[in-house]
Amino acid sequence: MAKLESLIRFQKHRVDEKQKILARLFYEEETLQTQKKDVLERVEEESKLVQDVNTDPILQISYSNFLASIKIKIAHFDLELEKIKTRIDLARDDIRTAFEELKKTEIVERNRKKKESEARRKKETLALDEMGLETYRRKKKTKI
């Protein structure tokens, strides 16, 4: 029977690499969330400034243009976040599948080692039994 240790090492490496990819995706998601939060905080700050000086018509026009551009940015962030979440879900499924394969291979290897050990133990027991029988026969022969 072929040894599965190298396959197990390869599968562990594959799971580790997939976990690194997932971690990178989580980092990208966190970065986008932070950028979106910063933009929303900026809107709040600008909104307070406009409320303080609400009589200037040029300021009102600038603020409405600013809000329009912010809506586009937020829509972009939301779209990118949805894409990242989809990629995270796919990466999780991929890790789950790779981990299941790894565990199956480990179980097969463990079962093989157990069978080999049992076969070796059975062989040793048969050899010891045979030696014991031979010793008994010799002793019985010498007594007769």
N, C-alpha and C. Protein backbone atom coordinates (compact mmCIF):
# COMPACT_ATOMS: atom_id res chain seq x y z
N MET A 1 0.83 -1.20 0.00
CA MET A 1 0.00 0.00 0.00
C MET A 1 0.87 1.26 0.00
N ALA A 2 0.43 2.21 -0.74
CA ALA A 2 1.19 3.46 -0.84
C ALA A 2 1.00 4.29 0.43
N LYS A 3 2.06 4.97 0.81
CA LYS A 3 1.98 5.85 1.97
C LYS A 3 1.30 7.15 1.55
N LEU A 4 0.54 7.69 2.44
CA LEU A 4 -0.23 8.89 2.13
C LEU A 4 0.33 10.15 2.80
N GLU A 5 1.48 10.01 3.47
CA GLU A 5 2.03 11.16 4.20
C GLU A 5 2.30 12.36 3.29
N SER A 6 2.85 12.11 2.11
CA SER A 6 3.15 13.23 1.21
C SER A 6 1.86 13.88 0.71
N LEU A 7 0.84 13.07 0.45
CA LEU A 7 -0.45 13.63 0.04
C LEU A 7 -1.06 14.45 1.17
N ILE A 8 -0.94 13.96 2.38
CA ILE A 8 -1.46 14.69 3.55
C ILE A 8 -0.72 16.02 3.71
N ARG A 9 0.60 16.01 3.55
CA ARG A 9 1.37 17.26 3.65
C ARG A 9 0.93 18.24 2.57
N PHE A 10 0.74 17.73 1.36
CA PHE A 10 0.29 18.58 0.26
C PHE A 10 -1.09 19.18 0.57
N GLN A 11 -1.99 18.34 1.07
CA GLN A 11 -3.34 18.82 1.37
C GLN A 11 -3.32 19.84 2.51
N LYS A 12 -2.47 19.63 3.51
CA LYS A 12 -2.34 20.61 4.60
C LYS A 12 -1.83 21.94 4.05
N HIS A 13 -0.86 21.86 3.16
CA HIS A 13 -0.33 23.08 2.55
C HIS A 13 -1.42 23.79 1.76
N ARG A 14 -2.23 23.01 1.04
CA ARG A 14 -3.32 23.59 0.26
C ARG A 14 -4.33 24.29 1.16
N VAL A 15 -4.68 23.65 2.27
CA VAL A 15 -5.62 24.26 3.22
C VAL A 15 -5.02 25.56 3.78
N ASP A 16 -3.74 25.53 4.12
CA ASP A 16 -3.07 26.73 4.65
C ASP A 16 -3.10 27.87 3.63
N GLU A 17 -2.82 27.55 2.37
CA GLU A 17 -2.84 28.57 1.33
C GLU A 17 -4.24 29.15 1.16
N LYS A 18 -5.24 28.31 1.20
CA LYS A 18 -6.62 28.77 1.06
C LYS A 18 -7.01 29.65 2.26
N GLN A 19 -6.51 29.32 3.44
CA GLN A 19 -6.78 30.14 4.62
C GLN A 19 -6.11 31.51 4.49
N LYS A 20 -4.94 31.55 3.89
CA LYS A 20 -4.26 32.83 3.66
C LYS A 20 -5.08 33.68 2.70
N ILE A 21 -5.62 33.06 1.66
CA ILE A 21 -6.45 33.79 0.71
C ILE A 21 -7.68 34.35 1.41
N LEU A 22 -8.31 33.53 2.25
CA LEU A 22 -9.48 33.99 2.99
C LEU A 22 -9.12 35.15 3.92
N ALA A 23 -8.00 35.05 4.57
CA ALA A 23 -7.56 36.14 5.46
C ALA A 23 -7.35 37.43 4.66
N ARG A 24 -6.78 37.30 3.46
CA ARG A 24 -6.58 38.48 2.61
C ARG A 24 -7.93 39.08 2.22
N LEU A 25 -8.90 38.22 1.91
CA LEU A 25 -10.23 38.71 1.55
C LEU A 25 -10.88 39.44 2.73
N PHE A 26 -10.72 38.89 3.93
CA PHE A 26 -11.25 39.56 5.12
C PHE A 26 -10.59 40.93 5.30
N TYR A 27 -9.29 40.99 5.04
CA TYR A 27 -8.57 42.26 5.15
C TYR A 27 -9.11 43.26 4.13
N GLU A 28 -9.33 42.80 2.90
CA GLU A 28 -9.88 43.69 1.87
C GLU A 28 -11.27 44.18 2.27
N GLU A 29 -12.08 43.28 2.83
CA GLU A 29 -13.42 43.68 3.27
C GLU A 29 -13.34 44.73 4.36
N GLU A 30 -12.45 44.50 5.32
CA GLU A 30 -12.28 45.45 6.42
C GLU A 30 -11.81 46.81 5.91
N THR A 31 -10.90 46.78 4.95
CA THR A 31 -10.40 48.02 4.36
C THR A 31 -11.53 48.80 3.69
N LEU A 32 -12.34 48.10 2.91
CA LEU A 32 -13.47 48.76 2.24
C LEU A 32 -14.46 49.32 3.25
N GLN A 33 -14.73 48.55 4.31
CA GLN A 33 -15.65 49.02 5.35
C GLN A 33 -15.11 50.30 5.99
N THR A 34 -13.81 50.31 6.25
CA THR A 34 -13.18 51.49 6.86
C THR A 34 -13.26 52.69 5.93
N GLN A 35 -12.99 52.47 4.66
CA GLN A 35 -13.06 53.57 3.69
C GLN A 35 -14.49 54.11 3.59
N LYS A 36 -15.45 53.21 3.57
CA LYS A 36 -16.86 53.63 3.50
C LYS A 36 -17.23 54.43 4.75
N LYS A 37 -16.79 53.95 5.90
CA LYS A 37 -17.06 54.64 7.16
C LYS A 37 -16.44 56.04 7.15
N ASP A 38 -15.22 56.15 6.65
CA ASP A 38 -14.55 57.45 6.56
C ASP A 38 -15.33 58.42 5.68
N VAL A 39 -15.83 57.92 4.56
CA VAL A 39 -16.61 58.76 3.65
C VAL A 39 -17.89 59.23 4.34
N LEU A 40 -18.55 58.32 5.04
CA LEU A 40 -19.79 58.68 5.74
C LEU A 40 -19.54 59.69 6.85
N GLU A 41 -18.41 59.55 7.53
CA GLU A 41 -18.05 60.53 8.57
C GLU A 41 -17.77 61.89 7.94
N ARG A 42 -17.16 61.87 6.77
CA ARG A 42 -16.90 63.14 6.08
C ARG A 42 -18.21 63.82 5.69
N VAL A 43 -19.18 63.02 5.27
CA VAL A 43 -20.50 63.58 4.93
C VAL A 43 -21.11 64.25 6.15
N GLU A 44 -21.00 63.59 7.29
CA GLU A 44 -21.54 64.17 8.53
C GLU A 44 -20.88 65.51 8.85
N GLU A 45 -19.56 65.54 8.73
CA GLU A 45 -18.82 66.78 9.01
C GLU A 45 -19.25 67.90 8.05
N GLU A 46 -19.32 67.56 6.77
CA GLU A 46 -19.72 68.56 5.78
C GLU A 46 -21.16 69.01 6.02
N SER A 47 -22.00 68.10 6.42
CA SER A 47 -23.40 68.43 6.69
C SER A 47 -23.51 69.43 7.83
N LYS A 48 -22.71 69.26 8.87
CA LYS A 48 -22.71 70.19 9.99
C LYS A 48 -22.23 71.58 9.56
N LEU A 49 -21.22 71.58 8.70
CA LEU A 49 -20.72 72.87 8.20
C LEU A 49 -21.77 73.60 7.38
N VAL A 50 -22.48 72.86 6.54
CA VAL A 50 -23.50 73.48 5.69
C VAL A 50 -24.66 73.99 6.54
N GLN A 51 -25.01 73.29 7.58
CA GLN A 51 -26.11 73.74 8.44
C GLN A 51 -25.75 75.03 9.16
N ASP A 52 -24.49 75.17 9.50
CA ASP A 52 -24.05 76.40 10.18
C ASP A 52 -24.11 77.61 9.26
N VAL A 53 -23.84 77.42 7.97
CA VAL A 53 -23.81 78.52 7.02
C VAL A 53 -24.77 78.17 5.87
N ASN A 54 -26.04 78.05 6.16
CA ASN A 54 -26.99 77.59 5.15
C ASN A 54 -27.52 78.70 4.23
N THR A 55 -27.05 79.91 4.36
CA THR A 55 -27.56 81.01 3.53
C THR A 55 -26.80 81.19 2.22
N ASP A 56 -25.63 80.63 2.11
CA ASP A 56 -24.79 80.80 0.92
C ASP A 56 -25.26 79.84 -0.18
N PRO A 57 -25.78 80.37 -1.32
CA PRO A 57 -26.29 79.50 -2.39
C PRO A 57 -25.18 78.70 -3.10
N ILE A 58 -24.01 79.27 -3.20
CA ILE A 58 -22.90 78.55 -3.83
C ILE A 58 -22.51 77.35 -2.98
N LEU A 59 -22.52 77.55 -1.68
CA LEU A 59 -22.23 76.46 -0.76
C LEU A 59 -23.27 75.36 -0.89
N GLN A 60 -24.53 75.75 -1.04
CA GLN A 60 -25.61 74.76 -1.18
C GLN A 60 -25.42 73.93 -2.46
N ILE A 61 -25.06 74.57 -3.55
CA ILE A 61 -24.83 73.88 -4.82
C ILE A 61 -23.62 72.94 -4.70
N SER A 62 -22.56 73.45 -4.10
CA SER A 62 -21.36 72.62 -3.90
C SER A 62 -21.67 71.41 -3.04
N TYR A 63 -22.46 71.65 -2.00
CA TYR A 63 -22.81 70.55 -1.11
C TYR A 63 -23.66 69.50 -1.83
N SER A 64 -24.60 69.93 -2.67
CA SER A 64 -25.42 68.96 -3.39
C SER A 64 -24.57 68.17 -4.38
N ASN A 65 -23.59 68.83 -5.03
CA ASN A 65 -22.66 68.11 -5.92
C ASN A 65 -21.80 67.13 -5.12
N PHE A 66 -21.37 67.57 -3.95
CA PHE A 66 -20.59 66.71 -3.06
C PHE A 66 -21.40 65.47 -2.68
N LEU A 67 -22.67 65.67 -2.32
CA LEU A 67 -23.53 64.53 -1.95
C LEU A 67 -23.72 63.58 -3.12
N ALA A 68 -23.87 64.10 -4.31
CA ALA A 68 -24.03 63.24 -5.49
C ALA A 68 -22.79 62.38 -5.70
N SER A 69 -21.62 62.98 -5.55
CA SER A 69 -20.39 62.20 -5.73
C SER A 69 -20.22 61.17 -4.61
N ILE A 70 -20.65 61.53 -3.42
CA ILE A 70 -20.56 60.61 -2.28
C ILE A 70 -21.50 59.41 -2.50
N LYS A 71 -22.69 59.67 -3.02
CA LYS A 71 -23.63 58.57 -3.29
C LYS A 71 -23.02 57.58 -4.27
N ILE A 72 -22.32 58.10 -5.26
CA ILE A 72 -21.66 57.23 -6.24
C ILE A 72 -20.55 56.41 -5.55
N LYS A 73 -19.77 57.08 -4.70
CA LYS A 73 -18.70 56.37 -3.98
C LYS A 73 -19.27 55.28 -3.08
N ILE A 74 -20.34 55.60 -2.37
CA ILE A 74 -20.94 54.63 -1.46
C ILE A 74 -21.52 53.45 -2.25
N ALA A 75 -22.14 53.76 -3.39
CA ALA A 75 -22.66 52.68 -4.24
C ALA A 75 -21.51 51.78 -4.71
N HIS A 76 -20.39 52.40 -5.03
CA HIS A 76 -19.21 51.64 -5.44
C HIS A 76 -18.70 50.76 -4.29
N PHE A 77 -18.61 51.34 -3.09
CA PHE A 77 -18.19 50.56 -1.93
C PHE A 77 -19.14 49.39 -1.68
N ASP A 78 -20.44 49.66 -1.76
CA ASP A 78 -21.42 48.60 -1.54
C ASP A 78 -21.27 47.47 -2.56
N LEU A 79 -21.05 47.85 -3.81
CA LEU A 79 -20.86 46.85 -4.87
C LEU A 79 -19.60 46.03 -4.61
N GLU A 80 -18.53 46.71 -4.28
CA GLU A 80 -17.27 46.00 -4.01
C GLU A 80 -17.40 45.10 -2.77
N LEU A 81 -18.12 45.58 -1.76
CA LEU A 81 -18.32 44.76 -0.56
C LEU A 81 -19.13 43.50 -0.88
N GLU A 82 -20.13 43.64 -1.73
CA GLU A 82 -20.90 42.46 -2.15
C GLU A 82 -20.03 41.47 -2.89
N LYS A 83 -19.17 41.98 -3.77
CA LYS A 83 -18.25 41.11 -4.50
C LYS A 83 -17.33 40.37 -3.54
N ILE A 84 -16.78 41.12 -2.57
CA ILE A 84 -15.87 40.51 -1.58
C ILE A 84 -16.60 39.46 -0.76
N LYS A 85 -17.83 39.77 -0.34
CA LYS A 85 -18.59 38.80 0.45
C LYS A 85 -18.85 37.53 -0.34
N THR A 86 -19.13 37.66 -1.62
CA THR A 86 -19.32 36.49 -2.47
C THR A 86 -18.03 35.69 -2.56
N ARG A 87 -16.91 36.40 -2.74
CA ARG A 87 -15.61 35.71 -2.80
C ARG A 87 -15.27 35.05 -1.47
N ILE A 88 -15.65 35.69 -0.36
CA ILE A 88 -15.41 35.09 0.96
C ILE A 88 -16.22 33.81 1.11
N ASP A 89 -17.48 33.85 0.70
CA ASP A 89 -18.31 32.64 0.77
C ASP A 89 -17.73 31.51 -0.06
N LEU A 90 -17.27 31.84 -1.26
CA LEU A 90 -16.65 30.83 -2.12
C LEU A 90 -15.37 30.29 -1.50
N ALA A 91 -14.57 31.18 -0.93
CA ALA A 91 -13.31 30.76 -0.30
C ALA A 91 -13.59 29.87 0.91
N ARG A 92 -14.61 30.20 1.68
CA ARG A 92 -14.98 29.35 2.83
C ARG A 92 -15.39 27.96 2.36
N ASP A 93 -16.21 27.92 1.31
CA ASP A 93 -16.62 26.62 0.77
C ASP A 93 -15.42 25.84 0.26
N ASP A 94 -14.50 26.54 -0.39
CA ASP A 94 -13.30 25.91 -0.91
C ASP A 94 -12.44 25.35 0.22
N ILE A 95 -12.30 26.11 1.29
CA ILE A 95 -11.53 25.64 2.45
C ILE A 95 -12.22 24.44 3.08
N ARG A 96 -13.52 24.52 3.21
CA ARG A 96 -14.28 23.42 3.81
C ARG A 96 -14.07 22.13 2.99
N THR A 97 -14.13 22.24 1.68
CA THR A 97 -13.94 21.08 0.81
C THR A 97 -12.51 20.54 0.94
N ALA A 98 -11.53 21.42 0.91
CA ALA A 98 -10.13 21.00 1.03
C ALA A 98 -9.88 20.35 2.39
N PHE A 99 -10.48 20.90 3.43
CA PHE A 99 -10.31 20.35 4.78
C PHE A 99 -10.96 18.97 4.88
N GLU A 100 -12.13 18.81 4.25
CA GLU A 100 -12.79 17.50 4.25
C GLU A 100 -11.92 16.46 3.54
N GLU A 101 -11.33 16.85 2.42
CA GLU A 101 -10.44 15.94 1.70
C GLU A 101 -9.25 15.56 2.57
N LEU A 102 -8.69 16.54 3.25
CA LEU A 102 -7.55 16.29 4.13
C LEU A 102 -7.94 15.30 5.23
N LYS A 103 -9.07 15.54 5.86
CA LYS A 103 -9.50 14.65 6.95
C LYS A 103 -9.77 13.23 6.45
N LYS A 104 -10.37 13.11 5.27
CA LYS A 104 -10.62 11.78 4.69
C LYS A 104 -9.30 11.05 4.46
N THR A 105 -8.34 11.76 3.91
CA THR A 105 -7.04 11.15 3.65
C THR A 105 -6.37 10.75 4.96
N GLU A 106 -6.46 11.60 5.97
CA GLU A 106 -5.87 11.26 7.27
C GLU A 106 -6.54 10.04 7.88
N ILE A 107 -7.85 9.93 7.72
CA ILE A 107 -8.57 8.76 8.25
C ILE A 107 -8.14 7.51 7.52
N VAL A 108 -8.03 7.59 6.19
CA VAL A 108 -7.58 6.43 5.41
C VAL A 108 -6.19 6.00 5.85
N GLU A 109 -5.29 6.98 6.03
CA GLU A 109 -3.92 6.67 6.47
C GLU A 109 -3.92 6.05 7.87
N ARG A 110 -4.72 6.61 8.76
CA ARG A 110 -4.80 6.06 10.12
C ARG A 110 -5.32 4.62 10.09
N ASN A 111 -6.36 4.38 9.28
CA ASN A 111 -6.91 3.02 9.17
C ASN A 111 -5.89 2.05 8.57
N ARG A 112 -5.13 2.53 7.58
CA ARG A 112 -4.09 1.67 6.99
C ARG A 112 -3.03 1.31 8.02
N LYS A 113 -2.58 2.31 8.77
CA LYS A 113 -1.57 2.05 9.79
C LYS A 113 -2.11 1.09 10.85
N LYS A 114 -3.36 1.25 11.21
CA LYS A 114 -3.97 0.37 12.21
C LYS A 114 -4.03 -1.06 11.68
N LYS A 115 -4.42 -1.24 10.42
CA LYS A 115 -4.48 -2.59 9.82
C LYS A 115 -3.09 -3.20 9.74
N GLU A 116 -2.10 -2.39 9.34
CA GLU A 116 -0.73 -2.89 9.27
C GLU A 116 -0.24 -3.30 10.65
N SER A 117 -0.56 -2.50 11.65
CA SER A 117 -0.15 -2.82 13.01
C SER A 117 -0.82 -4.11 13.50
N GLU A 118 -2.10 -4.25 13.21
CA GLU A 118 -2.82 -5.46 13.61
C GLU A 118 -2.27 -6.68 12.89
N ALA A 119 -1.95 -6.54 11.61
CA ALA A 119 -1.39 -7.66 10.84
C ALA A 119 -0.03 -8.04 11.40
N ARG A 120 0.80 -7.04 11.72
CA ARG A 120 2.12 -7.31 12.29
C ARG A 120 2.00 -7.98 13.66
N ARG A 121 1.07 -7.49 14.47
CA ARG A 121 0.85 -8.09 15.80
C ARG A 121 0.35 -9.53 15.66
N LYS A 122 -0.52 -9.78 14.71
CA LYS A 122 -1.05 -11.13 14.48
C LYS A 122 0.08 -12.06 14.02
N LYS A 123 0.93 -11.55 13.14
CA LYS A 123 2.06 -12.34 12.64
C LYS A 123 3.01 -12.68 13.79
N GLU A 124 3.29 -11.68 14.64
CA GLU A 124 4.17 -11.91 15.79
C GLU A 124 3.56 -12.92 16.75
N THR A 125 2.25 -12.81 16.97
CA THR A 125 1.56 -13.74 17.86
C THR A 125 1.63 -15.16 17.30
N LEU A 126 1.41 -15.30 16.00
CA LEU A 126 1.49 -16.63 15.38
C LEU A 126 2.90 -17.20 15.49
N ALA A 127 3.91 -16.34 15.29
CA ALA A 127 5.30 -16.79 15.40
C ALA A 127 5.61 -17.22 16.82
N LEU A 128 5.14 -16.43 17.81
CA LEU A 128 5.38 -16.79 19.22
C LEU A 128 4.64 -18.07 19.58
N ASP A 129 3.42 -18.22 19.06
CA ASP A 129 2.66 -19.45 19.32
C ASP A 129 3.38 -20.66 18.73
N GLU A 130 3.89 -20.48 17.51
CA GLU A 130 4.62 -21.56 16.85
C GLU A 130 5.87 -21.93 17.64
N MET A 131 6.59 -20.92 18.15
CA MET A 131 7.79 -21.19 18.95
C MET A 131 7.41 -21.90 20.24
N GLY A 132 6.30 -21.47 20.84
CA GLY A 132 5.85 -22.11 22.07
C GLY A 132 5.47 -23.56 21.84
N LEU A 133 4.78 -23.83 20.75
CA LEU A 133 4.40 -25.21 20.42
C LEU A 133 5.63 -26.07 20.16
N GLU A 134 6.58 -25.51 19.44
CA GLU A 134 7.81 -26.25 19.13
C GLU A 134 8.57 -26.56 20.41
N THR A 135 8.65 -25.58 21.31
CA THR A 135 9.32 -25.80 22.59
C THR A 135 8.60 -26.87 23.39
N TYR A 136 7.29 -26.83 23.40
CA TYR A 136 6.50 -27.83 24.12
C TYR A 136 6.74 -29.21 23.54
N ARG A 137 6.77 -29.33 22.23
CA ARG A 137 7.00 -30.64 21.58
C ARG A 137 8.38 -31.18 21.93
N ARG A 138 9.38 -30.31 21.93
CA ARG A 138 10.73 -30.76 22.25
C ARG A 138 10.83 -31.25 23.68
N LYS A 139 10.20 -30.49 24.58
CA LYS A 139 10.23 -30.89 25.99
C LYS A 139 9.51 -32.22 26.18
N LYS A 140 8.40 -32.39 25.46
CA LYS A 140 7.62 -33.62 25.59
C LYS A 140 8.40 -34.78 25.02
N LYS A 141 9.15 -34.56 23.94
CA LYS A 141 9.96 -35.60 23.31
C LYS A 141 11.08 -36.04 24.23
N THR A 142 11.70 -35.10 24.92
CA THR A 142 12.82 -35.41 25.79
C THR A 142 12.34 -36.15 27.04
N LYS A 143 11.13 -35.97 27.42
CA LYS A 143 10.60 -36.66 28.61
C LYS A 143 10.25 -38.11 28.29
N ILE A 144 9.92 -38.38 27.06
CA ILE A 144 9.51 -39.73 26.69
C ILE A 144 10.67 -40.64 26.56
